[in-house]
Amino acid sequence: MYDYDLLVVGSANADLVVGVERRPGAGETVLGSDLAVHPGGKGANQAVAAARLGARTALLARVGDDAYGRLLLDSQREAGVDTVGVLVGGAPTGVALITVDPSGDNSIVVSPGANGRLSPQDVRAAGCLFQSSKVVSTQLEIPLETVVEVVRNLAPDSRFVLNPSPPRPLPRELLAACDPLIVNEHEAKVILGESAVGDTPEDWARILLAKGPRSVVVTLGAEGALVASAEGVLRIPSVKVSAVDTTGAGDAFTAALAVRLGAGESLAQAAAYAARVGALTVTKEGAQVSFPSAAEVAAR
């Protein structure tokens, strides 16, 4: 019996958000709205999203001993996440600088801070968390060698989910553990590199699958998603909503997918549920504050 439905290993940032009429070009200054500060970071976002959906969730991350670190810890605990794996100190808390335009699209610059100090040794020291977790999810806002160490510490029967954001080429050892690898169109092209032949997401998914992952999910924004495995490739339809802010939608999708896979659903079933969660997320401003509860998703 696992103690946790999901262990998230990843980043925790303070999101500093400014609304703009349009995002500035090179050398340009634009005026924006009042600054809003939200708890964020892909790891922290996924943990809160999973906990809101009712999953027993733990987070392994690192924050600074500062006001932003306390903000992040408070947010995790309020959502019901077990923060026993959150390490404090060593560097300032990571910060994401986010501009959001009227269509809801965003641009993000991240200062990793303490996230860059989450080390392979930290992963090895948290062995009890890995042995107690049904599904483990991570991203690339922490060092790549730390993510590789996550794979080496998985429990024998646990499932590994990776969203390689921000994208970079991945070692074969990491790709082989992914079940699934979750990418958007940009991430898919970066990881494929010169292998990115074909014009459709189905083409990219098949080529990615040939590189070693046990399964692949390609998210397509307003067009939904597609899933690919040895059983074939299947499109998952989108859920139509009016987008207000897309910040955190990908993290909510990944968390929901991981939770439903851990509950025994097929990849297609889990992706369809995750698409509903992601769609509900973009209807509100902010990241963690916009994540829906299981009841809200059921009512959709």
C-alpha atoms as a PDB file:
ATOM      1  CA  MET A   1       0.000   0.000   0.000  1.00  0.00           C
ATOM      2  CA  TYR A   2       1.430   3.354  -1.036  1.00  0.00           C
ATOM      3  CA  ASP A   3       1.288   6.337   1.331  1.00  0.00           C
ATOM      4  CA  TYR A   4       1.123   8.805  -1.581  1.00  0.00           C
ATOM      5  CA  ASP A   5      -0.772   8.752  -4.848  1.00  0.00           C
ATOM      6  CA  LEU A   6       1.739  11.230  -6.297  1.00  0.00           C
ATOM      7  CA  LEU A   7       5.199  12.478  -5.420  1.00  0.00           C
ATOM      8  CA  VAL A   8       6.179  15.627  -7.299  1.00  0.00           C
ATOM      9  CA  VAL A   9       9.885  16.426  -7.556  1.00  0.00           C
ATOM     10  CA  GLY A  10      10.486  19.877  -8.951  1.00  0.00           C
ATOM     11  CA  SER A  11      10.547  23.621  -8.739  1.00  0.00           C
ATOM     12  CA  ALA A  12       8.843  26.043  -6.393  1.00  0.00           C
ATOM     13  CA  ASN A  13       8.766  29.695  -7.454  1.00  0.00           C
ATOM     14  CA  ALA A  14       7.091  32.928  -6.532  1.00  0.00           C
ATOM     15  CA  ASP A  15       5.200  34.114  -9.624  1.00  0.00           C
ATOM     16  CA  LEU A  16       5.410  37.884 -10.116  1.00  0.00           C
ATOM     17  CA  VAL A  17       2.641  38.667 -12.598  1.00  0.00           C
ATOM     18  CA  VAL A  18       1.934  41.852 -14.570  1.00  0.00           C
ATOM     19  CA  GLY A  19      -0.897  42.272 -17.051  1.00  0.00           C
ATOM     20  CA  VAL A  20       0.024  44.082 -20.284  1.00  0.00           C
ATOM     21  CA  GLU A  21      -1.853  45.262 -23.358  1.00  0.00           C
ATOM     22  CA  ARG A  22       0.881  43.628 -25.411  1.00  0.00           C
ATOM     23  CA  ARG A  23       4.187  42.024 -24.579  1.00  0.00           C
ATOM     24  CA  PRO A  24       7.227  44.266 -25.191  1.00  0.00           C
ATOM     25  CA  GLY A  25       9.633  43.769 -28.044  1.00  0.00           C
ATOM     26  CA  ALA A  26      13.415  44.029 -27.789  1.00  0.00           C
ATOM     27  CA  GLY A  27      14.447  47.348 -26.212  1.00  0.00           C
ATOM     28  CA  GLU A  28      10.826  48.368 -25.621  1.00  0.00           C
ATOM     29  CA  THR A  29       9.127  49.428 -22.388  1.00  0.00           C
ATOM     30  CA  VAL A  30       5.378  49.009 -21.862  1.00  0.00           C
ATOM     31  CA  LEU A  31       3.227  49.907 -18.886  1.00  0.00           C
ATOM     32  CA  GLY A  32       1.382  47.150 -17.070  1.00  0.00           C
ATOM     33  CA  SER A  33      -1.044  46.480 -14.262  1.00  0.00           C
ATOM     34  CA  ASP A  34      -0.265  46.382 -10.552  1.00  0.00           C
ATOM     35  CA  LEU A  35       2.107  43.602  -9.599  1.00  0.00           C
ATOM     36  CA  ALA A  36       0.461  40.413  -8.284  1.00  0.00           C
ATOM     37  CA  VAL A  37       2.477  37.798  -6.375  1.00  0.00           C
ATOM     38  CA  HIS A  38       1.330  34.167  -6.498  1.00  0.00           C
ATOM     39  CA  PRO A  39       2.882  30.871  -5.383  1.00  0.00           C
ATOM     40  CA  GLY A  40       4.048  28.968  -8.460  1.00  0.00           C
ATOM     41  CA  GLY A  41       6.779  26.869 -10.047  1.00  0.00           C
ATOM     42  CA  LYS A  42       6.018  23.756 -12.072  1.00  0.00           C
ATOM     43  CA  GLY A  43       6.682  21.352  -9.221  1.00  0.00           C
ATOM     44  CA  ALA A  44       4.720  23.293  -6.620  1.00  0.00           C
ATOM     45  CA  ASN A  45       1.902  23.858  -9.135  1.00  0.00           C
ATOM     46  CA  GLN A  46       1.594  20.161  -9.918  1.00  0.00           C
ATOM     47  CA  ALA A  47       1.531  19.241  -6.237  1.00  0.00           C
ATOM     48  CA  VAL A  48      -1.244  21.717  -5.425  1.00  0.00           C
ATOM     49  CA  ALA A  49      -3.249  20.714  -8.507  1.00  0.00           C
ATOM     50  CA  ALA A  50      -3.062  17.037  -7.542  1.00  0.00           C
ATOM     51  CA  ALA A  51      -4.008  17.712  -3.925  1.00  0.00           C
ATOM     52  CA  ARG A  52      -7.003  19.814  -5.034  1.00  0.00           C
ATOM     53  CA  LEU A  53      -8.175  16.787  -6.998  1.00  0.00           C
ATOM     54  CA  GLY A  54      -8.095  14.703  -3.830  1.00  0.00           C
ATOM     55  CA  ALA A  55      -4.794  12.887  -4.358  1.00  0.00           C
ATOM     56  CA  ARG A  56      -2.483  12.109  -1.442  1.00  0.00           C
ATOM     57  CA  THR A  57       0.434  14.252  -2.581  1.00  0.00           C
ATOM     58  CA  ALA A  58       3.987  14.980  -1.437  1.00  0.00           C
ATOM     59  CA  LEU A  59       6.485  17.534  -2.793  1.00  0.00           C
ATOM     60  CA  LEU A  60      10.264  17.253  -2.925  1.00  0.00           C
ATOM     61  CA  ALA A  61      11.642  20.739  -3.645  1.00  0.00           C
ATOM     62  CA  ARG A  62      13.908  23.460  -2.280  1.00  0.00           C
ATOM     63  CA  VAL A  63      12.981  27.029  -1.316  1.00  0.00           C
ATOM     64  CA  GLY A  64      14.843  29.905   0.291  1.00  0.00           C
ATOM     65  CA  ASP A  65      14.558  30.975   3.909  1.00  0.00           C
ATOM     66  CA  ASP A  66      12.652  34.103   2.898  1.00  0.00           C
ATOM     67  CA  ALA A  67       9.182  35.535   2.483  1.00  0.00           C
ATOM     68  CA  TYR A  68       8.634  33.872  -0.886  1.00  0.00           C
ATOM     69  CA  GLY A  69       9.642  30.506   0.583  1.00  0.00           C
ATOM     70  CA  ARG A  70       7.129  30.917   3.382  1.00  0.00           C
ATOM     71  CA  LEU A  71       4.447  31.875   0.850  1.00  0.00           C
ATOM     72  CA  LEU A  72       5.101  28.654  -1.049  1.00  0.00           C
ATOM     73  CA  LEU A  73       5.092  26.443   2.028  1.00  0.00           C
ATOM     74  CA  ASP A  74       1.841  28.000   3.242  1.00  0.00           C
ATOM     75  CA  SER A  75       0.205  27.403  -0.148  1.00  0.00           C
ATOM     76  CA  GLN A  76       1.249  23.740  -0.220  1.00  0.00           C
ATOM     77  CA  ARG A  77      -0.008  23.063   3.288  1.00  0.00           C
ATOM     78  CA  GLU A  78      -3.286  24.875   2.670  1.00  0.00           C
ATOM     79  CA  ALA A  79      -3.907  22.626  -0.346  1.00  0.00           C
ATOM     80  CA  GLY A  80      -3.162  19.512   1.715  1.00  0.00           C
ATOM     81  CA  VAL A  81       0.277  18.669   0.258  1.00  0.00           C
ATOM     82  CA  ASP A  82       2.745  16.891   2.551  1.00  0.00           C
ATOM     83  CA  THR A  83       5.778  19.229   2.696  1.00  0.00           C
ATOM     84  CA  VAL A  84       8.104  16.863   4.566  1.00  0.00           C
ATOM     85  CA  GLY A  85      10.311  16.799   1.454  1.00  0.00           C
ATOM     86  CA  VAL A  86      10.566  20.588   1.014  1.00  0.00           C
ATOM     87  CA  LEU A  87      14.091  21.699   1.926  1.00  0.00           C
ATOM     88  CA  VAL A  88      14.689  25.266   3.112  1.00  0.00           C
ATOM     89  CA  GLY A  89      17.797  27.393   2.592  1.00  0.00           C
ATOM     90  CA  GLY A  90      20.937  27.461   0.481  1.00  0.00           C
ATOM     91  CA  ALA A  91      19.769  30.180  -1.923  1.00  0.00           C
ATOM     92  CA  PRO A  92      16.876  32.626  -2.409  1.00  0.00           C
ATOM     93  CA  THR A  93      13.540  31.185  -3.473  1.00  0.00           C
ATOM     94  CA  GLY A  94      13.128  30.933  -7.238  1.00  0.00           C
ATOM     95  CA  VAL A  95      11.162  33.667  -8.982  1.00  0.00           C
ATOM     96  CA  ALA A  96       9.188  33.689 -12.241  1.00  0.00           C
ATOM     97  CA  LEU A  97       8.572  37.023 -13.975  1.00  0.00           C
ATOM     98  CA  ILE A  98       5.322  36.692 -15.958  1.00  0.00           C
ATOM     99  CA  THR A  99       3.553  39.030 -18.370  1.00  0.00           C
ATOM    100  CA  VAL A 100      -0.012  38.206 -19.412  1.00  0.00           C
ATOM    101  CA  ASP A 101      -1.739  39.833 -22.389  1.00  0.00           C
ATOM    102  CA  PRO A 102      -5.512  40.349 -22.860  1.00  0.00           C
ATOM    103  CA  SER A 103      -5.881  37.029 -24.723  1.00  0.00           C
ATOM    104  CA  GLY A 104      -4.520  35.144 -21.712  1.00  0.00           C
ATOM    105  CA  ASP A 105      -1.205  34.229 -23.343  1.00  0.00           C
ATOM    106  CA  ASN A 106       1.887  34.656 -21.204  1.00  0.00           C
ATOM    107  CA  SER A 107       5.651  35.084 -21.412  1.00  0.00           C
ATOM    108  CA  ILE A 108       7.807  33.853 -18.524  1.00  0.00           C
ATOM    109  CA  VAL A 109      11.404  34.391 -17.369  1.00  0.00           C
ATOM    110  CA  VAL A 110      12.535  32.212 -14.458  1.00  0.00           C
ATOM    111  CA  SER A 111      15.322  32.883 -11.943  1.00  0.00           C
ATOM    112  CA  PRO A 112      15.859  29.362 -10.530  1.00  0.00           C
ATOM    113  CA  GLY A 113      17.345  30.365  -7.159  1.00  0.00           C
ATOM    114  CA  ALA A 114      17.034  27.493  -4.700  1.00  0.00           C
ATOM    115  CA  ASN A 115      15.596  25.220  -7.413  1.00  0.00           C
ATOM    116  CA  GLY A 116      19.054  25.029  -8.947  1.00  0.00           C
ATOM    117  CA  ARG A 117      20.379  23.630  -5.657  1.00  0.00           C
ATOM    118  CA  LEU A 118      18.016  20.661  -5.518  1.00  0.00           C
ATOM    119  CA  SER A 119      20.659  17.974  -5.938  1.00  0.00           C
ATOM    120  CA  PRO A 120      20.975  14.249  -6.643  1.00  0.00           C
ATOM    121  CA  GLN A 121      22.002  13.861  -3.007  1.00  0.00           C
ATOM    122  CA  ASP A 122      18.691  15.438  -1.960  1.00  0.00           C
ATOM    123  CA  VAL A 123      16.898  12.813  -4.050  1.00  0.00           C
ATOM    124  CA  ARG A 124      18.872   9.937  -2.528  1.00  0.00           C
ATOM    125  CA  ALA A 125      18.200  11.270   0.967  1.00  0.00           C
ATOM    126  CA  ALA A 126      14.442  11.187   0.264  1.00  0.00           C
ATOM    127  CA  GLY A 127      14.374   7.487  -0.555  1.00  0.00           C
ATOM    128  CA  CYS A 128      11.455   6.820   1.785  1.00  0.00           C
ATOM    129  CA  LEU A 129       9.274   9.204  -0.235  1.00  0.00           C
ATOM    130  CA  PHE A 130      10.018   7.354  -3.465  1.00  0.00           C
ATOM    131  CA  GLN A 131       9.302   3.959  -1.942  1.00  0.00           C
ATOM    132  CA  SER A 132       5.965   5.286  -0.666  1.00  0.00           C
ATOM    133  CA  SER A 133       4.714   6.836  -3.931  1.00  0.00           C
ATOM    134  CA  LYS A 134       2.585   5.210  -6.628  1.00  0.00           C
ATOM    135  CA  VAL A 135       3.423   7.826  -9.286  1.00  0.00           C
ATOM    136  CA  VAL A 136       6.390  10.226  -9.463  1.00  0.00           C
ATOM    137  CA  SER A 137       6.224  13.369 -11.611  1.00  0.00           C
ATOM    138  CA  THR A 138       8.916  15.898 -12.421  1.00  0.00           C
ATOM    139  CA  GLN A 139       9.923  18.668 -14.845  1.00  0.00           C
ATOM    140  CA  LEU A 140      13.120  20.456 -15.942  1.00  0.00           C
ATOM    141  CA  GLU A 141      13.137  23.603 -13.770  1.00  0.00           C
ATOM    142  CA  ILE A 142      15.574  21.689 -11.548  1.00  0.00           C
ATOM    143  CA  PRO A 143      19.014  20.338 -12.624  1.00  0.00           C
ATOM    144  CA  LEU A 144      18.909  17.571 -15.234  1.00  0.00           C
ATOM    145  CA  GLU A 145      21.225  15.368 -13.172  1.00  0.00           C
ATOM    146  CA  THR A 146      18.699  15.577 -10.329  1.00  0.00           C
ATOM    147  CA  VAL A 147      15.901  14.429 -12.645  1.00  0.00           C
ATOM    148  CA  VAL A 148      18.036  11.494 -13.798  1.00  0.00           C
ATOM    149  CA  GLU A 149      18.626  10.579 -10.144  1.00  0.00           C
ATOM    150  CA  VAL A 150      14.852  10.550  -9.637  1.00  0.00           C
ATOM    151  CA  VAL A 151      14.586   7.769 -12.232  1.00  0.00           C
ATOM    152  CA  ARG A 152      17.306   5.788 -10.460  1.00  0.00           C
ATOM    153  CA  ASN A 153      15.411   5.959  -7.157  1.00  0.00           C
ATOM    154  CA  LEU A 154      11.934   4.947  -8.316  1.00  0.00           C
ATOM    155  CA  ALA A 155      10.181   2.140  -6.465  1.00  0.00           C
ATOM    156  CA  PRO A 156       9.942  -1.052  -8.592  1.00  0.00           C
ATOM    157  CA  ASP A 157       6.224  -0.677  -9.369  1.00  0.00           C
ATOM    158  CA  SER A 158       5.871   3.101  -9.483  1.00  0.00           C
ATOM    159  CA  ARG A 159       5.139   5.083 -12.648  1.00  0.00           C
ATOM    160  CA  PHE A 160       7.264   8.000 -13.876  1.00  0.00           C
ATOM    161  CA  VAL A 161       5.766  11.064 -15.590  1.00  0.00           C
ATOM    162  CA  LEU A 162       7.958  13.772 -17.123  1.00  0.00           C
ATOM    163  CA  ASN A 163       7.048  17.160 -18.536  1.00  0.00           C
ATOM    164  CA  PRO A 164      10.382  18.345 -20.030  1.00  0.00           C
ATOM    165  CA  SER A 165       9.826  22.071 -19.539  1.00  0.00           C
ATOM    166  CA  PRO A 166      11.853  24.118 -20.245  1.00  0.00           C
ATOM    167  CA  PRO A 167      12.818  21.687 -23.016  1.00  0.00           C
ATOM    168  CA  ARG A 168      16.283  20.328 -23.766  1.00  0.00           C
ATOM    169  CA  PRO A 169      17.704  17.144 -25.301  1.00  0.00           C
ATOM    170  CA  LEU A 170      17.197  14.229 -22.927  1.00  0.00           C
ATOM    171  CA  PRO A 171      19.445  11.245 -22.168  1.00  0.00           C
ATOM    172  CA  ARG A 172      18.191   7.809 -23.195  1.00  0.00           C
ATOM    173  CA  GLU A 173      18.044   6.624 -19.578  1.00  0.00           C
ATOM    174  CA  LEU A 174      15.529   9.355 -18.783  1.00  0.00           C
ATOM    175  CA  LEU A 175      13.438   8.865 -21.913  1.00  0.00           C
ATOM    176  CA  ALA A 176      13.184   5.114 -21.323  1.00  0.00           C
ATOM    177  CA  ALA A 177      11.569   5.664 -17.908  1.00  0.00           C
ATOM    178  CA  CYS A 178       8.825   8.039 -19.116  1.00  0.00           C
ATOM    179  CA  ASP A 179       5.287   6.674 -19.002  1.00  0.00           C
ATOM    180  CA  PRO A 180       4.287   9.131 -20.330  1.00  0.00           C
ATOM    181  CA  LEU A 181       6.522  11.883 -21.639  1.00  0.00           C
ATOM    182  CA  ILE A 182       4.235  14.954 -21.782  1.00  0.00           C
ATOM    183  CA  VAL A 183       5.185  17.695 -24.261  1.00  0.00           C
ATOM    184  CA  ASN A 184       3.598  20.629 -26.027  1.00  0.00           C
ATOM    185  CA  GLU A 185       4.396  21.368 -29.672  1.00  0.00           C
ATOM    186  CA  HIS A 186       7.452  23.524 -28.883  1.00  0.00           C
ATOM    187  CA  GLU A 187       8.883  21.005 -26.406  1.00  0.00           C
ATOM    188  CA  ALA A 188       8.379  18.169 -28.865  1.00  0.00           C
ATOM    189  CA  LYS A 189      10.363  19.956 -31.571  1.00  0.00           C
ATOM    190  CA  VAL A 190      13.242  20.829 -29.212  1.00  0.00           C
ATOM    191  CA  ILE A 191      13.566  17.255 -27.951  1.00  0.00           C
ATOM    192  CA  LEU A 192      13.313  15.816 -31.453  1.00  0.00           C
ATOM    193  CA  GLY A 193      15.897  18.241 -32.865  1.00  0.00           C
ATOM    194  CA  GLU A 194      16.979  17.042 -36.303  1.00  0.00           C
ATOM    195  CA  SER A 195      14.597  14.108 -35.946  1.00  0.00           C
ATOM    196  CA  ALA A 196      11.615  16.480 -36.148  1.00  0.00           C
ATOM    197  CA  VAL A 197      10.343  15.310 -39.529  1.00  0.00           C
ATOM    198  CA  GLY A 198       6.691  15.466 -40.494  1.00  0.00           C
ATOM    199  CA  ASP A 199       4.181  18.257 -40.088  1.00  0.00           C
ATOM    200  CA  THR A 200       1.630  16.787 -37.689  1.00  0.00           C
ATOM    201  CA  PRO A 201       1.606  16.125 -33.941  1.00  0.00           C
ATOM    202  CA  GLU A 202       0.934  12.477 -34.783  1.00  0.00           C
ATOM    203  CA  ASP A 203       4.274  12.378 -36.638  1.00  0.00           C
ATOM    204  CA  TRP A 204       6.124  13.942 -33.698  1.00  0.00           C
ATOM    205  CA  ALA A 205       4.492  11.585 -31.214  1.00  0.00           C
ATOM    206  CA  ARG A 206       5.488   8.497 -33.189  1.00  0.00           C
ATOM    207  CA  ILE A 207       9.096   9.672 -33.531  1.00  0.00           C
ATOM    208  CA  LEU A 208       9.264  10.553 -29.837  1.00  0.00           C
ATOM    209  CA  LEU A 209       7.896   7.120 -28.974  1.00  0.00           C
ATOM    210  CA  ALA A 210      10.649   5.526 -31.051  1.00  0.00           C
ATOM    211  CA  LYS A 211      13.243   7.298 -28.889  1.00  0.00           C
ATOM    212  CA  GLY A 212      12.355   5.205 -25.873  1.00  0.00           C
ATOM    213  CA  PRO A 213       9.383   6.479 -23.796  1.00  0.00           C
ATOM    214  CA  ARG A 214       6.741   3.888 -22.950  1.00  0.00           C
ATOM    215  CA  SER A 215       4.082   6.428 -23.879  1.00  0.00           C
ATOM    216  CA  VAL A 216       3.836  10.023 -25.108  1.00  0.00           C
ATOM    217  CA  VAL A 217       1.255  12.777 -24.672  1.00  0.00           C
ATOM    218  CA  VAL A 218       1.319  15.876 -26.886  1.00  0.00           C
ATOM    219  CA  THR A 219      -0.751  18.786 -25.582  1.00  0.00           C
ATOM    220  CA  LEU A 220      -2.226  21.029 -28.276  1.00  0.00           C
ATOM    221  CA  GLY A 221      -3.762  23.908 -26.327  1.00  0.00           C
ATOM    222  CA  ALA A 222      -7.214  24.784 -27.629  1.00  0.00           C
ATOM    223  CA  GLU A 223      -6.995  21.792 -29.998  1.00  0.00           C
ATOM    224  CA  GLY A 224      -6.893  19.258 -27.163  1.00  0.00           C
ATOM    225  CA  ALA A 225      -4.166  16.618 -26.979  1.00  0.00           C
ATOM    226  CA  LEU A 226      -3.084  13.302 -28.396  1.00  0.00           C
ATOM    227  CA  VAL A 227      -1.756  10.160 -26.746  1.00  0.00           C
ATOM    228  CA  ALA A 228       0.648   7.654 -28.241  1.00  0.00           C
ATOM    229  CA  SER A 229       1.743   4.215 -27.065  1.00  0.00           C
ATOM    230  CA  ALA A 230       2.357   0.764 -28.482  1.00  0.00           C
ATOM    231  CA  GLU A 231      -1.420   0.543 -28.902  1.00  0.00           C
ATOM    232  CA  GLY A 232      -1.453   3.462 -31.370  1.00  0.00           C
ATOM    233  CA  VAL A 233      -2.106   7.201 -31.545  1.00  0.00           C
ATOM    234  CA  LEU A 234      -5.379   8.803 -30.448  1.00  0.00           C
ATOM    235  CA  ARG A 235      -6.636  12.396 -30.468  1.00  0.00           C
ATOM    236  CA  ILE A 236      -8.220  13.753 -27.271  1.00  0.00           C
ATOM    237  CA  PRO A 237     -10.757  16.525 -27.977  1.00  0.00           C
ATOM    238  CA  SER A 238     -10.485  19.906 -26.292  1.00  0.00           C
ATOM    239  CA  VAL A 239     -12.928  21.447 -23.840  1.00  0.00           C
ATOM    240  CA  LYS A 240     -14.125  24.831 -25.098  1.00  0.00           C
ATOM    241  CA  VAL A 241     -13.794  27.681 -22.586  1.00  0.00           C
ATOM    242  CA  SER A 242     -13.045  31.411 -22.593  1.00  0.00           C
ATOM    243  CA  ALA A 243      -9.385  31.720 -21.599  1.00  0.00           C
ATOM    244  CA  VAL A 244      -8.444  34.377 -19.051  1.00  0.00           C
ATOM    245  CA  ASP A 245      -4.906  33.291 -18.098  1.00  0.00           C
ATOM    246  CA  THR A 246      -3.068  30.199 -19.354  1.00  0.00           C
ATOM    247  CA  THR A 247      -0.478  30.277 -16.551  1.00  0.00           C
ATOM    248  CA  GLY A 248      -0.321  26.873 -14.869  1.00  0.00           C
ATOM    249  CA  ALA A 249      -2.637  25.084 -17.294  1.00  0.00           C
ATOM    250  CA  GLY A 250       0.060  22.662 -18.428  1.00  0.00           C
ATOM    251  CA  ASP A 251       0.966  21.889 -14.815  1.00  0.00           C
ATOM    252  CA  ALA A 252      -2.675  21.204 -13.959  1.00  0.00           C
ATOM    253  CA  PHE A 253      -2.962  18.914 -16.991  1.00  0.00           C
ATOM    254  CA  THR A 254       0.148  16.958 -16.011  1.00  0.00           C
ATOM    255  CA  ALA A 255      -0.940  16.592 -12.388  1.00  0.00           C
ATOM    256  CA  ALA A 256      -4.424  15.429 -13.321  1.00  0.00           C
ATOM    257  CA  LEU A 257      -3.037  12.938 -15.832  1.00  0.00           C
ATOM    258  CA  ALA A 258      -0.599  11.511 -13.283  1.00  0.00           C
ATOM    259  CA  VAL A 259      -3.307  11.187 -10.620  1.00  0.00           C
ATOM    260  CA  ARG A 260      -5.723   9.368 -12.931  1.00  0.00           C
ATOM    261  CA  LEU A 261      -3.023   7.028 -14.222  1.00  0.00           C
ATOM    262  CA  GLY A 262      -2.231   6.144 -10.627  1.00  0.00           C
ATOM    263  CA  ALA A 263      -5.918   5.391 -10.105  1.00  0.00           C
ATOM    264  CA  GLY A 264      -5.733   2.780 -12.871  1.00  0.00           C
ATOM    265  CA  GLU A 265      -7.247   4.629 -15.827  1.00  0.00           C
ATOM    266  CA  SER A 266      -5.967   4.155 -19.362  1.00  0.00           C
ATOM    267  CA  LEU A 267      -3.773   6.823 -20.910  1.00  0.00           C
ATOM    268  CA  ALA A 268      -6.633   8.052 -23.104  1.00  0.00           C
ATOM    269  CA  GLN A 269      -9.075   8.217 -20.175  1.00  0.00           C
ATOM    270  CA  ALA A 270      -6.544  10.044 -18.004  1.00  0.00           C
ATOM    271  CA  ALA A 271      -5.754  12.537 -20.783  1.00  0.00           C
ATOM    272  CA  ALA A 272      -9.437  13.290 -21.357  1.00  0.00           C
ATOM    273  CA  TYR A 273      -9.871  14.063 -17.663  1.00  0.00           C
ATOM    274  CA  ALA A 274      -6.673  16.134 -17.660  1.00  0.00           C
ATOM    275  CA  ALA A 275      -7.973  18.159 -20.618  1.00  0.00           C
ATOM    276  CA  ARG A 276     -11.033  19.123 -18.555  1.00  0.00           C
ATOM    277  CA  VAL A 277      -8.844  20.139 -15.615  1.00  0.00           C
ATOM    278  CA  GLY A 278      -6.558  22.212 -17.851  1.00  0.00           C
ATOM    279  CA  ALA A 279      -9.534  23.930 -19.468  1.00  0.00           C
ATOM    280  CA  LEU A 280     -11.048  24.903 -16.130  1.00  0.00           C
ATOM    281  CA  THR A 281      -7.681  26.272 -14.999  1.00  0.00           C
ATOM    282  CA  VAL A 282      -7.458  28.876 -17.797  1.00  0.00           C
ATOM    283  CA  THR A 283     -10.820  30.398 -16.859  1.00  0.00           C
ATOM    284  CA  LYS A 284      -9.287  32.075 -13.779  1.00  0.00           C
ATOM    285  CA  GLU A 285      -6.276  34.310 -13.186  1.00  0.00           C
ATOM    286  CA  GLY A 286      -3.098  32.966 -11.584  1.00  0.00           C
ATOM    287  CA  ALA A 287      -1.719  29.470 -11.341  1.00  0.00           C
ATOM    288  CA  GLN A 288      -2.370  27.646  -8.071  1.00  0.00           C
ATOM    289  CA  VAL A 289      -5.420  29.736  -7.163  1.00  0.00           C
ATOM    290  CA  SER A 290      -7.043  28.705 -10.444  1.00  0.00           C
ATOM    291  CA  PHE A 291      -6.719  24.919 -10.027  1.00  0.00           C
ATOM    292  CA  PRO A 292     -10.125  23.239  -9.738  1.00  0.00           C
ATOM    293  CA  SER A 293     -11.266  20.785  -7.107  1.00  0.00           C
ATOM    294  CA  ALA A 294     -12.449  17.294  -7.993  1.00  0.00           C
ATOM    295  CA  ALA A 295     -16.043  18.454  -7.395  1.00  0.00           C
ATOM    296  CA  GLU A 296     -15.637  21.373  -9.817  1.00  0.00           C
ATOM    297  CA  VAL A 297     -14.304  19.042 -12.506  1.00  0.00           C
ATOM    298  CA  ALA A 298     -17.152  16.576 -11.948  1.00  0.00           C
ATOM    299  CA  ALA A 299     -19.687  19.384 -12.298  1.00  0.00           C
ATOM    300  CA  ARG A 300     -18.244  20.510 -15.642  1.00  0.00           C
END
